[in-house]
Amino acid sequence: MMDRSAEPRLPPLPGPNSDGTVDALPFSRASIARDIIRDRTALGLTQAQLARRAGIRTETLNRIENLKTAPTTRVLERIDLALRAARRPVQRG
């Protein structure tokens, strides 16, 4: 059971280079991963639950959240759709 009171563990954002700039791609990957983790945990979903809803492997989501792989646009779309669907209230009729 997930402890919803605990803050999610977020990957760090990369710091500035020696010239004061930040590399865009590593920053984007970390930012996306942090957003996914925040949204997933706010909805009370585990990685396995979100992966199942998005139609991707749990290992894929884990690698994205841990900055081990860069997600494709298609995978990001699937994750986004799954998170949006999870936010909608259940329709009973």
Protein backbone atom coordinates (compact mmCIF):
# COMPACT_ATOMS: atom_id res chain seq x y z
CA MET A 1 0.00 0.00 0.00
CA MET A 2 1.32 3.40 -0.97
CA ASP A 3 1.78 6.01 1.77
CA ARG A 4 -0.04 8.99 0.29
CA SER A 5 1.20 11.33 3.01
CA ALA A 6 4.82 10.90 1.92
CA GLU A 7 6.26 13.21 -0.70
CA PRO A 8 7.10 11.40 -3.93
CA ARG A 9 10.78 10.92 -4.62
CA LEU A 10 11.55 13.14 -7.59
CA PRO A 11 14.62 12.95 -9.81
CA PRO A 12 16.82 16.04 -9.49
CA LEU A 13 16.81 18.75 -12.13
CA PRO A 14 20.23 19.18 -13.74
CA GLY A 15 22.17 22.20 -12.56
CA PRO A 16 23.80 24.84 -14.70
CA ASN A 17 26.96 24.21 -16.70
CA SER A 18 30.16 26.13 -16.05
CA ASP A 19 28.90 28.89 -18.37
CA GLY A 20 25.66 29.24 -16.40
CA THR A 21 23.40 27.58 -18.97
CA VAL A 22 21.36 24.41 -18.51
CA ASP A 23 21.26 21.72 -21.19
CA ALA A 24 17.71 21.64 -22.54
CA LEU A 25 17.31 17.90 -23.22
CA PRO A 26 18.37 16.58 -19.79
CA PHE A 27 16.34 19.34 -18.14
CA SER A 28 13.26 18.45 -20.24
CA ARG A 29 13.56 14.73 -19.46
CA ALA A 30 13.85 15.41 -15.72
CA SER A 31 10.99 17.90 -15.80
CA ILE A 32 8.70 15.47 -17.64
CA ALA A 33 9.59 12.63 -15.26
CA ARG A 34 8.88 14.85 -12.25
CA ASP A 35 5.48 15.88 -13.69
CA ILE A 36 4.51 12.25 -14.34
CA ILE A 37 5.52 11.21 -10.81
CA ARG A 38 3.65 14.12 -9.20
CA ASP A 39 0.48 13.49 -11.22
CA ARG A 40 0.61 9.72 -10.73
CA THR A 41 1.10 9.95 -6.97
CA ALA A 42 -1.51 12.71 -6.60
CA LEU A 43 -4.01 10.34 -8.21
CA GLY A 44 -2.91 7.51 -5.92
CA LEU A 45 -1.70 5.36 -8.81
CA THR A 46 1.24 2.98 -8.70
CA GLN A 47 3.60 2.69 -11.64
CA ALA A 48 1.97 -0.62 -12.56
CA GLN A 49 -1.53 0.89 -12.51
CA LEU A 50 -0.57 3.88 -14.66
CA ALA A 51 1.39 1.69 -17.07
CA ARG A 52 -1.60 -0.64 -17.47
CA ARG A 53 -3.94 2.31 -18.11
CA ALA A 54 -1.47 3.77 -20.64
CA GLY A 55 -0.90 0.45 -22.39
CA ILE A 56 2.85 0.46 -21.77
CA ARG A 57 5.16 -1.82 -19.80
CA THR A 58 5.74 -1.01 -16.14
CA GLU A 59 9.48 -1.22 -16.85
CA THR A 60 9.13 1.51 -19.47
CA LEU A 61 7.41 3.86 -17.04
CA ASN A 62 10.00 3.07 -14.37
CA ARG A 63 12.85 3.90 -16.77
CA ILE A 64 11.20 7.19 -17.74
CA GLU A 65 10.62 8.20 -14.12
CA ASN A 66 14.21 7.29 -13.20
CA LEU A 67 15.73 9.10 -16.21
CA LYS A 68 17.11 5.87 -17.67
CA THR A 69 15.43 6.39 -21.05
CA ALA A 70 13.94 9.20 -23.08
CA PRO A 71 10.24 8.65 -23.79
CA THR A 72 8.89 8.81 -27.32
CA THR A 73 6.15 11.25 -28.17
CA ARG A 74 3.71 8.34 -28.55
CA VAL A 75 4.49 7.02 -25.07
CA LEU A 76 4.09 10.50 -23.58
CA GLU A 77 0.72 10.82 -25.34
CA ARG A 78 -0.40 7.48 -23.88
CA ILE A 79 0.69 8.48 -20.37
CA ASP A 80 -1.01 11.87 -20.72
CA LEU A 81 -4.28 10.29 -21.88
CA ALA A 82 -4.18 7.78 -19.02
CA LEU A 83 -3.59 10.52 -16.45
CA ARG A 84 -6.39 12.66 -17.89
CA ALA A 85 -8.78 9.70 -17.84
CA ALA A 86 -7.84 8.95 -14.22
CA ARG A 87 -8.74 12.53 -13.24
CA ARG A 88 -12.26 12.29 -14.71
CA PRO A 89 -15.03 11.36 -12.30
CA VAL A 90 -16.54 7.93 -12.80
CA GLN A 91 -19.79 8.09 -14.78
CA ARG A 92 -22.50 5.85 -13.34
CA GLY A 93 -25.62 5.37 -15.22
